[in-house]
Each structure stands twice: as structure tokens, then as C-alpha cells.
Protein backbone atom coordinates (compact mmCIF):
# COMPACT_ATOMS: atom_id res chain seq x y z
CA MET A 1 -0.03 -0.23 0.14
CA ASN A 2 1.37 3.24 -0.55
CA LEU A 3 1.13 5.59 2.13
CA LYS A 4 0.47 9.08 1.65
CA ASN A 5 2.67 11.50 3.07
CA LYS A 6 4.03 8.33 4.91
CA ASN A 7 2.10 9.40 7.55
CA ILE A 8 -0.01 7.14 9.56
CA VAL A 9 -3.26 8.64 10.66
CA LEU A 10 -5.22 6.95 13.82
CA ILE A 11 -8.61 7.45 13.99
CA GLY A 12 -11.16 6.09 16.67
CA PHE A 13 -13.61 7.14 19.04
CA MET A 14 -12.25 8.59 21.91
CA GLY A 15 -10.84 6.00 24.54
CA VAL A 16 -10.25 3.09 21.98
CA GLY A 17 -6.71 3.34 22.56
CA LYS A 18 -5.34 5.25 19.87
CA GLY A 19 -2.20 6.60 22.00
CA THR A 20 -1.68 3.07 22.86
CA ILE A 21 -1.31 1.50 19.78
CA ALA A 22 0.44 4.50 18.25
CA ARG A 23 2.68 4.49 21.04
CA ALA A 24 3.43 0.62 20.64
CA LEU A 25 3.59 1.37 16.43
CA ILE A 26 6.11 3.91 17.36
CA LYS A 27 8.33 1.82 18.76
CA LYS A 28 8.29 -0.84 16.75
CA THR A 29 8.55 1.15 13.01
CA LYS A 30 11.09 3.46 15.01
CA ARG A 31 8.87 6.71 13.33
CA PHE A 32 7.94 9.21 14.56
CA GLY A 33 4.87 9.92 16.89
CA LEU A 34 2.55 12.74 17.39
CA ASP A 35 -0.71 13.28 18.83
CA THR A 36 -2.92 15.78 17.93
CA ASP A 37 -4.70 16.46 21.58
CA ASP A 38 -0.70 16.92 22.79
CA LEU A 39 -0.25 19.47 20.22
CA ILE A 40 -3.46 21.20 20.68
CA GLU A 41 -2.57 21.52 24.44
CA SER A 42 1.23 22.66 24.05
CA MET A 43 -0.45 25.06 21.63
CA GLU A 44 -2.59 26.70 23.98
CA ASN A 45 -0.67 25.72 27.11
CA ARG A 46 -3.69 24.23 28.66
CA LYS A 47 -5.50 20.99 29.11
CA ILE A 48 -8.68 19.63 26.64
CA LYS A 49 -10.85 19.75 29.30
CA ALA A 50 -10.03 23.64 30.39
CA ILE A 51 -10.87 24.63 26.62
CA PHE A 52 -13.86 22.52 26.33
CA ASP A 53 -14.69 23.99 29.75
CA THR A 54 -14.12 28.18 29.05
CA ASP A 55 -14.16 28.18 25.32
CA GLY A 56 -16.50 25.70 24.11
CA GLU A 57 -16.49 22.60 21.62
CA ALA A 58 -16.74 24.81 18.49
CA TYR A 59 -13.14 26.95 19.20
CA PHE A 60 -11.63 23.32 20.11
CA ARG A 61 -12.45 22.37 16.70
CA LYS A 62 -10.99 25.36 15.37
CA LEU A 63 -7.70 24.29 17.11
CA GLU A 64 -8.44 20.70 15.65
CA LYS A 65 -8.36 22.72 11.98
CA LYS A 66 -4.98 24.92 12.55
CA THR A 67 -3.27 21.28 13.54
CA ALA A 68 -4.46 19.69 10.55
CA LYS A 69 -3.13 22.48 8.28
CA TRP A 70 0.09 22.09 9.86
CA LEU A 71 0.51 18.56 9.85
CA GLU A 72 -0.54 18.33 6.11
CA LYS A 73 2.17 20.79 5.29
CA ASN A 74 5.46 19.72 7.86
CA VAL A 75 4.88 16.39 8.97
CA LYS A 76 6.27 13.28 6.61
CA ASN A 77 7.00 9.88 7.94
CA ALA A 78 4.79 9.72 11.48
CA ILE A 79 2.01 8.08 13.54
CA ILE A 80 -0.31 10.25 14.73
CA SER A 81 -3.36 9.43 16.60
CA THR A 82 -5.63 12.04 16.91
CA GLY A 83 -8.76 13.20 19.24
CA GLY A 84 -11.80 11.50 19.07
CA GLY A 85 -13.76 14.15 16.39
CA PHE A 86 -10.73 14.72 14.46
CA PHE A 87 -11.38 13.06 12.00
CA LYS A 88 -14.04 15.51 10.59
CA VAL A 89 -10.80 18.20 9.21
CA ASP A 90 -11.15 18.83 6.26
CA ASN A 91 -7.75 17.84 5.18
CA LEU A 92 -7.63 14.40 6.99
CA ASP A 93 -6.92 12.51 3.08
CA ASP A 94 -3.97 14.55 2.63
CA ILE A 95 -2.18 14.13 5.62
CA GLY A 96 -1.75 10.48 5.82
CA THR A 97 -3.45 6.61 5.54
CA ILE A 98 -6.36 6.90 7.68
CA VAL A 99 -6.31 4.01 9.77
CA TYR A 100 -9.60 3.22 12.04
CA LEU A 101 -9.70 1.39 15.07
CA ARG A 102 -12.93 -0.09 16.01
CA SER A 103 -14.61 -1.62 18.96
CA SER A 104 -18.22 -1.17 20.48
CA PHE A 105 -18.91 1.38 22.65
CA ASP A 106 -18.98 -1.49 25.83
CA GLY A 107 -16.13 -2.80 24.30
CA ILE A 108 -14.68 1.13 24.71
CA LEU A 109 -15.65 1.62 28.21
CA LYS A 110 -14.71 -2.21 29.48
CA ARG A 111 -11.08 -0.59 28.22
CA LEU A 112 -11.07 2.68 29.95
CA HIS A 113 -12.50 1.11 32.91
CA GLN A 114 -9.93 -2.12 33.40
CA HIS A 115 -7.06 0.72 32.87
CA GLU A 116 -5.23 1.26 36.34
CA ASN A 117 -5.59 4.79 35.89
CA ALA A 118 -9.77 3.94 35.02
CA ASP A 119 -11.05 7.53 36.49
CA LEU A 120 -8.03 9.92 35.36
CA LYS A 121 -8.13 8.42 31.95
CA LEU A 122 -12.13 9.07 31.83
CA ALA A 123 -12.14 12.45 33.93
CA LYS A 124 -9.98 13.76 30.72
CA ARG A 125 -12.49 12.97 28.36
CA PRO A 126 -15.59 15.25 28.28
CA LEU A 127 -17.78 13.95 26.53
CA LEU A 128 -18.00 10.48 28.04
CA THR A 129 -19.44 12.71 31.24
CA ASP A 130 -22.94 11.49 29.68
CA GLU A 131 -23.08 7.74 28.53
CA ALA A 132 -26.17 8.06 27.03
CA LYS A 133 -25.24 11.21 25.16
CA ALA A 134 -21.69 9.28 24.48
CA ARG A 135 -23.43 6.42 23.15
CA ALA A 136 -25.63 8.06 20.67
CA LEU A 137 -22.59 10.25 19.43
CA PHE A 138 -20.87 6.79 19.10
CA LYS A 139 -23.46 5.61 17.39
CA ASP A 140 -23.51 8.96 14.52
CA ARG A 141 -19.60 8.54 14.56
CA SER A 142 -18.96 5.06 13.53
CA VAL A 143 -20.14 5.15 10.19
CA LEU A 144 -18.47 8.29 9.65
CA TYR A 145 -15.06 6.79 10.76
CA GLU A 146 -15.59 3.86 8.79
CA GLU A 147 -16.38 6.43 5.58
CA LYS A 148 -13.24 8.11 6.18
CA ALA A 149 -11.05 4.53 6.71
CA ASP A 150 -8.08 3.79 4.56
CA ILE A 151 -8.40 0.56 6.51
CA ILE A 152 -10.20 -0.63 9.27
CA ILE A 153 -8.71 -2.86 12.44
CA ASP A 154 -11.10 -4.15 14.98
CA VAL A 155 -9.45 -3.66 18.34
CA GLU A 156 -12.08 -5.33 20.51
CA ASP A 157 -10.45 -7.95 22.97
CA ARG A 158 -7.24 -7.88 21.30
CA THR A 159 -3.71 -7.30 22.23
CA ILE A 160 -1.77 -4.48 21.75
CA GLU A 161 0.67 -6.65 19.85
CA ALA A 162 -1.86 -8.47 17.67
CA ILE A 163 -2.99 -5.08 16.51
CA VAL A 164 0.08 -3.50 15.92
CA LYS A 165 1.09 -6.92 14.31
CA GLU A 166 -1.72 -6.58 11.65
CA ILE A 167 -1.70 -3.17 11.00
CA ILE A 168 2.88 -3.64 10.14
CA ALA A 169 1.36 -5.86 8.08
CA VAL A 170 -1.70 -4.69 6.40
CA LEU A 171 0.69 -1.25 5.21
CA LYS A 172 3.70 -3.56 4.98
CA LEU A 173 5.50 -1.23 6.96
CA LYS A 174 9.49 -1.89 7.84
CA THR A 175 9.94 -2.81 11.24
CA GLU A 176 13.40 -2.37 13.17
CA LYS A 177 14.52 -5.37 14.86
CA GLU A 178 14.76 -4.11 18.87
């Protein structure tokens, strides 16, 4: 598969494991890694939750668009993990090859609750505070993620190693021996 900009862009619902899988992929492929939420927090010098609380979701989405433009122009050969709504940016296809990490909503909740820092993981996701709303958002976004994706990887009840191995195989990525 020909990788656009040689970048791999991980998309999926909040809490699906994009950052965790990105870090494991980075380790295996020795590529550079970026997280869009981290970039936004650095740019704003505050946490995502504070941005949502103070300026709202619309402002945050503008920051995502700004970040997406920067990534497209400046980043090559990287693994980019994204926030749950980042897939909506207009130029996503121009940033890199889009890998959708798919899981059920209950699978995501289970993953978050099993994490050693479960409270922290849940607290930093402002859109997960209302489970009914989050479930509806998940339902709406699932179809859209699939439409945006170049590749879909099922992650539910799978180890990080198995997921990373599949992504490397499907994208024919070069790995460096440890």
C-alpha cells in the first residue's frame, strides 16, 4: 500500500486506544509520533478539558483544523494519533493513510474501566461524562469513521501486540529489530 505523506493517521472513538497503539507502533517502526490533542494542549498551554470548559467545543474544533493544516504541510513519515472528533477536518486525506481503530462502545468502556488509571482516563474525556450522549455520539460517528478510513482494524478484545502486528502487515511497514 502506498502511504500518503508516509504518515499513518489513527482515528476512532475516544478511549479506543489510539495513543496506546500509536506508541506501540512507534516503538516497532522507529517512526516519529505525534498526538493531535497533545499538539493542541501545547499550542494553548492548557488541557483539552479546560479548552472545552472555557471556550467550548466549536473553538476546540477550530484548533483541530489549524493543527490539521500544520500536519499536512510539515509532517512526513510519522504516526499520528488523533482526538475522537479530529476525523472531521477537511484535509484528513491529505495528512496520511487513515487507519480506523474499531470497537463497540461497550468494548471501549470496558477498556477504560480496566485501565490502572481509569478515573483519570475517564476524567480527561469531557464528552464521555454523559454515557447516553456519548453512546449516541458513538453511533453517529461509527459510520463516518468507516467512510473516512483507508483501513479498518478491529481492536476489541485484542492485545496491543496483535493489533500492531496487523497494522504493520496491512501497511507493509518496515520494522527495525529491537
